[in-house]
Amino acid sequence: MTNLLNVTEIDEILVKSGVWQKNGHFQLTSGRHSDQYLQCAMLSQYPAYFEPIARH
């Protein structure tokens, strides 16, 4: 059995890679506003981060 990442480790990867923007102001395509934004497609640019999350 492989070791799965815990929630804290996933959070760290998403923030470190810049995929999860936690501080800011974002206007979403729906027109709504958010102080956080997750750019999922951007994670594929970082194979070292992508692989452990994909296994999860």
PDB file of N, CA and C in Angstrom:
ATOM      1  N   MET A   1       0.843  -1.183   0.000  1.00  0.00           N
ATOM      2  CA  MET A   1       0.000   0.000   0.000  1.00  0.00           C
ATOM      3  C   MET A   1       0.888   1.246   0.000  1.00  0.00           C
ATOM      4  N   THR A   2       0.542   2.225  -0.806  1.00  0.00           N
ATOM      5  CA  THR A   2       1.337   3.450  -0.878  1.00  0.00           C
ATOM      6  C   THR A   2       0.925   4.409   0.229  1.00  0.00           C
ATOM      7  N   ASN A   3       1.860   5.275   0.601  1.00  0.00           N
ATOM      8  CA  ASN A   3       1.563   6.295   1.600  1.00  0.00           C
ATOM      9  C   ASN A   3       0.809   7.440   0.943  1.00  0.00           C
ATOM     10  N   LEU A   4      -0.356   7.735   1.464  1.00  0.00           N
ATOM     11  CA  LEU A   4      -1.154   8.832   0.939  1.00  0.00           C
ATOM     12  C   LEU A   4      -0.835  10.107   1.703  1.00  0.00           C
ATOM     13  N   LEU A   5      -0.987  11.225   1.038  1.00  0.00           N
ATOM     14  CA  LEU A   5      -0.759  12.519   1.665  1.00  0.00           C
ATOM     15  C   LEU A   5      -1.915  12.851   2.604  1.00  0.00           C
ATOM     16  N   ASN A   6      -1.602  13.583   3.660  1.00  0.00           N
ATOM     17  CA  ASN A   6      -2.687  14.057   4.511  1.00  0.00           C
ATOM     18  C   ASN A   6      -3.137  15.434   4.019  1.00  0.00           C
ATOM     19  N   VAL A   7      -4.193  15.941   4.587  1.00  0.00           N
ATOM     20  CA  VAL A   7      -4.781  17.205   4.135  1.00  0.00           C
ATOM     21  C   VAL A   7      -3.780  18.353   4.249  1.00  0.00           C
ATOM     22  N   THR A   8      -3.004  18.382   5.315  1.00  0.00           N
ATOM     23  CA  THR A   8      -2.015  19.447   5.507  1.00  0.00           C
ATOM     24  C   THR A   8      -0.950  19.410   4.422  1.00  0.00           C
ATOM     25  N   GLU A   9      -0.492  18.222   4.053  1.00  0.00           N
ATOM     26  CA  GLU A   9       0.519  18.087   2.998  1.00  0.00           C
ATOM     27  C   GLU A   9      -0.031  18.534   1.643  1.00  0.00           C
ATOM     28  N   ILE A  10      -1.262  18.187   1.353  1.00  0.00           N
ATOM     29  CA  ILE A  10      -1.884  18.616   0.096  1.00  0.00           C
ATOM     30  C   ILE A  10      -2.016  20.134   0.077  1.00  0.00           C
ATOM     31  N   ASP A  11      -2.453  20.705   1.181  1.00  0.00           N
ATOM     32  CA  ASP A  11      -2.575  22.161   1.300  1.00  0.00           C
ATOM     33  C   ASP A  11      -1.228  22.834   1.034  1.00  0.00           C
ATOM     34  N   GLU A  12      -0.160  22.323   1.638  1.00  0.00           N
ATOM     35  CA  GLU A  12       1.179  22.893   1.452  1.00  0.00           C
ATOM     36  C   GLU A  12       1.620  22.831  -0.006  1.00  0.00           C
ATOM     37  N   ILE A  13       1.370  21.723  -0.675  1.00  0.00           N
ATOM     38  CA  ILE A  13       1.743  21.570  -2.084  1.00  0.00           C
ATOM     39  C   ILE A  13       0.989  22.580  -2.949  1.00  0.00           C
ATOM     40  N   LEU A  14      -0.309  22.700  -2.730  1.00  0.00           N
ATOM     41  CA  LEU A  14      -1.120  23.609  -3.544  1.00  0.00           C
ATOM     42  C   LEU A  14      -0.701  25.061  -3.356  1.00  0.00           C
ATOM     43  N   VAL A  15      -0.369  25.444  -2.131  1.00  0.00           N
ATOM     44  CA  VAL A  15       0.064  26.820  -1.870  1.00  0.00           C
ATOM     45  C   VAL A  15       1.476  27.049  -2.411  1.00  0.00           C
ATOM     46  N   LYS A  16       2.393  26.115  -2.144  1.00  0.00           N
ATOM     47  CA  LYS A  16       3.793  26.250  -2.571  1.00  0.00           C
ATOM     48  C   LYS A  16       3.918  26.359  -4.090  1.00  0.00           C
ATOM     49  N   SER A  17       3.093  25.630  -4.806  1.00  0.00           N
ATOM     50  CA  SER A  17       3.149  25.642  -6.271  1.00  0.00           C
ATOM     51  C   SER A  17       2.418  26.846  -6.875  1.00  0.00           C
ATOM     52  N   GLY A  18       1.700  27.586  -6.043  1.00  0.00           N
ATOM     53  CA  GLY A  18       0.957  28.742  -6.542  1.00  0.00           C
ATOM     54  C   GLY A  18      -0.396  28.385  -7.132  1.00  0.00           C
ATOM     55  N   VAL A  19      -0.768  27.125  -7.030  1.00  0.00           N
ATOM     56  CA  VAL A  19      -2.045  26.664  -7.575  1.00  0.00           C
ATOM     57  C   VAL A  19      -3.215  27.221  -6.761  1.00  0.00           C
ATOM     58  N   TRP A  20      -3.034  27.277  -5.446  1.00  0.00           N
ATOM     59  CA  TRP A  20      -4.082  27.783  -4.564  1.00  0.00           C
ATOM     60  C   TRP A  20      -3.682  29.160  -4.073  1.00  0.00           C
ATOM     61  N   GLN A  21      -4.383  30.155  -4.536  1.00  0.00           N
ATOM     62  CA  GLN A  21      -4.173  31.536  -4.106  1.00  0.00           C
ATOM     63  C   GLN A  21      -5.113  31.775  -2.926  1.00  0.00           C
ATOM     64  N   LYS A  22      -4.549  31.890  -1.733  1.00  0.00           N
ATOM     65  CA  LYS A  22      -5.373  32.010  -0.531  1.00  0.00           C
ATOM     66  C   LYS A  22      -5.663  33.445  -0.116  1.00  0.00           C
ATOM     67  N   ASN A  23      -4.876  34.376  -0.585  1.00  0.00           N
ATOM     68  CA  ASN A  23      -5.052  35.769  -0.175  1.00  0.00           C
ATOM     69  C   ASN A  23      -5.211  36.646  -1.400  1.00  0.00           C
ATOM     70  N   GLY A  24      -6.310  37.308  -1.487  1.00  0.00           N
ATOM     71  CA  GLY A  24      -6.513  38.191  -2.626  1.00  0.00           C
ATOM     72  C   GLY A  24      -7.985  38.423  -2.880  1.00  0.00           C
ATOM     73  N   HIS A  25      -8.243  38.964  -4.031  1.00  0.00           N
ATOM     74  CA  HIS A  25      -9.618  39.195  -4.456  1.00  0.00           C
ATOM     75  C   HIS A  25      -9.731  38.715  -5.892  1.00  0.00           C
ATOM     76  N   PHE A  26     -10.650  37.812  -6.127  1.00  0.00           N
ATOM     77  CA  PHE A  26     -10.801  37.211  -7.445  1.00  0.00           C
ATOM     78  C   PHE A  26     -12.254  37.317  -7.884  1.00  0.00           C
ATOM     79  N   GLN A  27     -12.450  37.727  -9.134  1.00  0.00           N
ATOM     80  CA  GLN A  27     -13.792  37.704  -9.703  1.00  0.00           C
ATOM     81  C   GLN A  27     -13.869  36.466 -10.576  1.00  0.00           C
ATOM     82  N   LEU A  28     -14.763  35.576 -10.226  1.00  0.00           N
ATOM     83  CA  LEU A  28     -14.909  34.307 -10.921  1.00  0.00           C
ATOM     84  C   LEU A  28     -15.721  34.490 -12.199  1.00  0.00           C
ATOM     85  N   THR A  29     -15.634  33.520 -13.098  1.00  0.00           N
ATOM     86  CA  THR A  29     -16.365  33.620 -14.363  1.00  0.00           C
ATOM     87  C   THR A  29     -17.874  33.710 -14.146  1.00  0.00           C
ATOM     88  N   SER A  30     -18.336  33.228 -13.013  1.00  0.00           N
ATOM     89  CA  SER A  30     -19.763  33.325 -12.687  1.00  0.00           C
ATOM     90  C   SER A  30     -20.167  34.743 -12.308  1.00  0.00           C
ATOM     91  N   GLY A  31     -19.151  35.603 -12.105  1.00  0.00           N
ATOM     92  CA  GLY A  31     -19.423  36.962 -11.661  1.00  0.00           C
ATOM     93  C   GLY A  31     -19.320  37.121 -10.155  1.00  0.00           C
ATOM     94  N   ARG A  32     -19.278  35.997  -9.454  1.00  0.00           N
ATOM     95  CA  ARG A  32     -19.142  36.042  -7.997  1.00  0.00           C
ATOM     96  C   ARG A  32     -17.712  36.401  -7.628  1.00  0.00           C
ATOM     97  N   HIS A  33     -17.500  36.763  -6.385  1.00  0.00           N
ATOM     98  CA  HIS A  33     -16.184  37.157  -5.894  1.00  0.00           C
ATOM     99  C   HIS A  33     -15.727  36.169  -4.825  1.00  0.00           C
ATOM    100  N   SER A  34     -14.412  36.010  -4.714  1.00  0.00           N
ATOM    101  CA  SER A  34     -13.841  35.101  -3.726  1.00  0.00           C
ATOM    102  C   SER A  34     -12.510  35.660  -3.240  1.00  0.00           C
ATOM    103  N   ASP A  35     -12.139  35.306  -2.011  1.00  0.00           N
ATOM    104  CA  ASP A  35     -10.828  35.696  -1.504  1.00  0.00           C
ATOM    105  C   ASP A  35      -9.803  34.578  -1.706  1.00  0.00           C
ATOM    106  N   GLN A  36     -10.234  33.458  -2.324  1.00  0.00           N
ATOM    107  CA  GLN A  36      -9.350  32.334  -2.628  1.00  0.00           C
ATOM    108  C   GLN A  36      -9.628  31.852  -4.051  1.00  0.00           C
ATOM    109  N   TYR A  37      -8.593  31.270  -4.672  1.00  0.00           N
ATOM    110  CA  TYR A  37      -8.765  30.761  -6.037  1.00  0.00           C
ATOM    111  C   TYR A  37      -7.866  29.546  -6.223  1.00  0.00           C
ATOM    112  N   LEU A  38      -8.412  28.492  -6.784  1.00  0.00           N
ATOM    113  CA  LEU A  38      -7.667  27.262  -7.045  1.00  0.00           C
ATOM    114  C   LEU A  38      -7.590  27.054  -8.551  1.00  0.00           C
ATOM    115  N   GLN A  39      -6.396  27.137  -9.109  1.00  0.00           N
ATOM    116  CA  GLN A  39      -6.164  26.966 -10.551  1.00  0.00           C
ATOM    117  C   GLN A  39      -5.655  25.539 -10.768  1.00  0.00           C
ATOM    118  N   CYS A  40      -6.581  24.587 -10.853  1.00  0.00           N
ATOM    119  CA  CYS A  40      -6.234  23.160 -10.924  1.00  0.00           C
ATOM    120  C   CYS A  40      -5.304  22.815 -12.081  1.00  0.00           C
ATOM    121  N   ALA A  41      -5.562  23.347 -13.254  1.00  0.00           N
ATOM    122  CA  ALA A  41      -4.763  23.004 -14.438  1.00  0.00           C
ATOM    123  C   ALA A  41      -3.301  23.381 -14.260  1.00  0.00           C
ATOM    124  N   MET A  42      -3.033  24.384 -13.444  1.00  0.00           N
ATOM    125  CA  MET A  42      -1.664  24.841 -13.225  1.00  0.00           C
ATOM    126  C   MET A  42      -0.808  23.780 -12.521  1.00  0.00           C
ATOM    127  N   LEU A  43      -1.433  22.898 -11.755  1.00  0.00           N
ATOM    128  CA  LEU A  43      -0.689  21.877 -11.021  1.00  0.00           C
ATOM    129  C   LEU A  43       0.057  20.934 -11.961  1.00  0.00           C
ATOM    130  N   SER A  44      -0.458  20.703 -13.158  1.00  0.00           N
ATOM    131  CA  SER A  44       0.197  19.788 -14.102  1.00  0.00           C
ATOM    132  C   SER A  44       1.548  20.313 -14.582  1.00  0.00           C
ATOM    133  N   GLN A  45       1.848  21.584 -14.340  1.00  0.00           N
ATOM    134  CA  GLN A  45       3.153  22.149 -14.695  1.00  0.00           C
ATOM    135  C   GLN A  45       4.244  21.707 -13.725  1.00  0.00           C
ATOM    136  N   TYR A  46       3.856  21.099 -12.628  1.00  0.00           N
ATOM    137  CA  TYR A  46       4.790  20.697 -11.581  1.00  0.00           C
ATOM    138  C   TYR A  46       4.667  19.194 -11.327  1.00  0.00           C
ATOM    139  N   PRO A  47       5.334  18.367 -12.140  1.00  0.00           N
ATOM    140  CA  PRO A  47       5.199  16.918 -11.998  1.00  0.00           C
ATOM    141  C   PRO A  47       5.509  16.400 -10.592  1.00  0.00           C
ATOM    142  N   ALA A  48       6.472  17.020  -9.917  1.00  0.00           N
ATOM    143  CA  ALA A  48       6.827  16.571  -8.570  1.00  0.00           C
ATOM    144  C   ALA A  48       5.672  16.772  -7.590  1.00  0.00           C
ATOM    145  N   TYR A  49       4.850  17.777  -7.822  1.00  0.00           N
ATOM    146  CA  TYR A  49       3.685  18.026  -6.976  1.00  0.00           C
ATOM    147  C   TYR A  49       2.458  17.282  -7.497  1.00  0.00           C
ATOM    148  N   PHE A  50       2.341  17.199  -8.816  1.00  0.00           N
ATOM    149  CA  PHE A  50       1.163  16.606  -9.447  1.00  0.00           C
ATOM    150  C   PHE A  50       1.026  15.120  -9.107  1.00  0.00           C
ATOM    151  N   GLU A  51       2.127  14.396  -9.194  1.00  0.00           N
ATOM    152  CA  GLU A  51       2.078  12.944  -9.001  1.00  0.00           C
ATOM    153  C   GLU A  51       1.533  12.528  -7.634  1.00  0.00           C
ATOM    154  N   PRO A  52       2.054  13.074  -6.519  1.00  0.00           N
ATOM    155  CA  PRO A  52       1.516  12.626  -5.232  1.00  0.00           C
ATOM    156  C   PRO A  52       0.040  12.973  -5.032  1.00  0.00           C
ATOM    157  N   ILE A  53      -0.398  14.090  -5.577  1.00  0.00           N
ATOM    158  CA  ILE A  53      -1.811  14.455  -5.436  1.00  0.00           C
ATOM    159  C   ILE A  53      -2.668  13.574  -6.333  1.00  0.00           C
ATOM    160  N   ALA A  54      -2.187  13.268  -7.526  1.00  0.00           N
ATOM    161  CA  ALA A  54      -2.931  12.399  -8.442  1.00  0.00           C
ATOM    162  C   ALA A  54      -3.094  10.996  -7.851  1.00  0.00           C
ATOM    163  N   ARG A  55      -2.092  10.519  -7.134  1.00  0.00           N
ATOM    164  CA  ARG A  55      -2.181   9.203  -6.493  1.00  0.00           C
ATOM    165  C   ARG A  55      -3.194   9.205  -5.371  1.00  0.00           C
ATOM    166  N   HIS A  56      -3.386  10.358  -4.779  1.00  0.00           N
ATOM    167  CA  HIS A  56      -4.286  10.471  -3.638  1.00  0.00           C
ATOM    168  C   HIS A  56      -5.696  10.247  -4.103  1.00  0.00           C
TER     169      HIS A  56
END
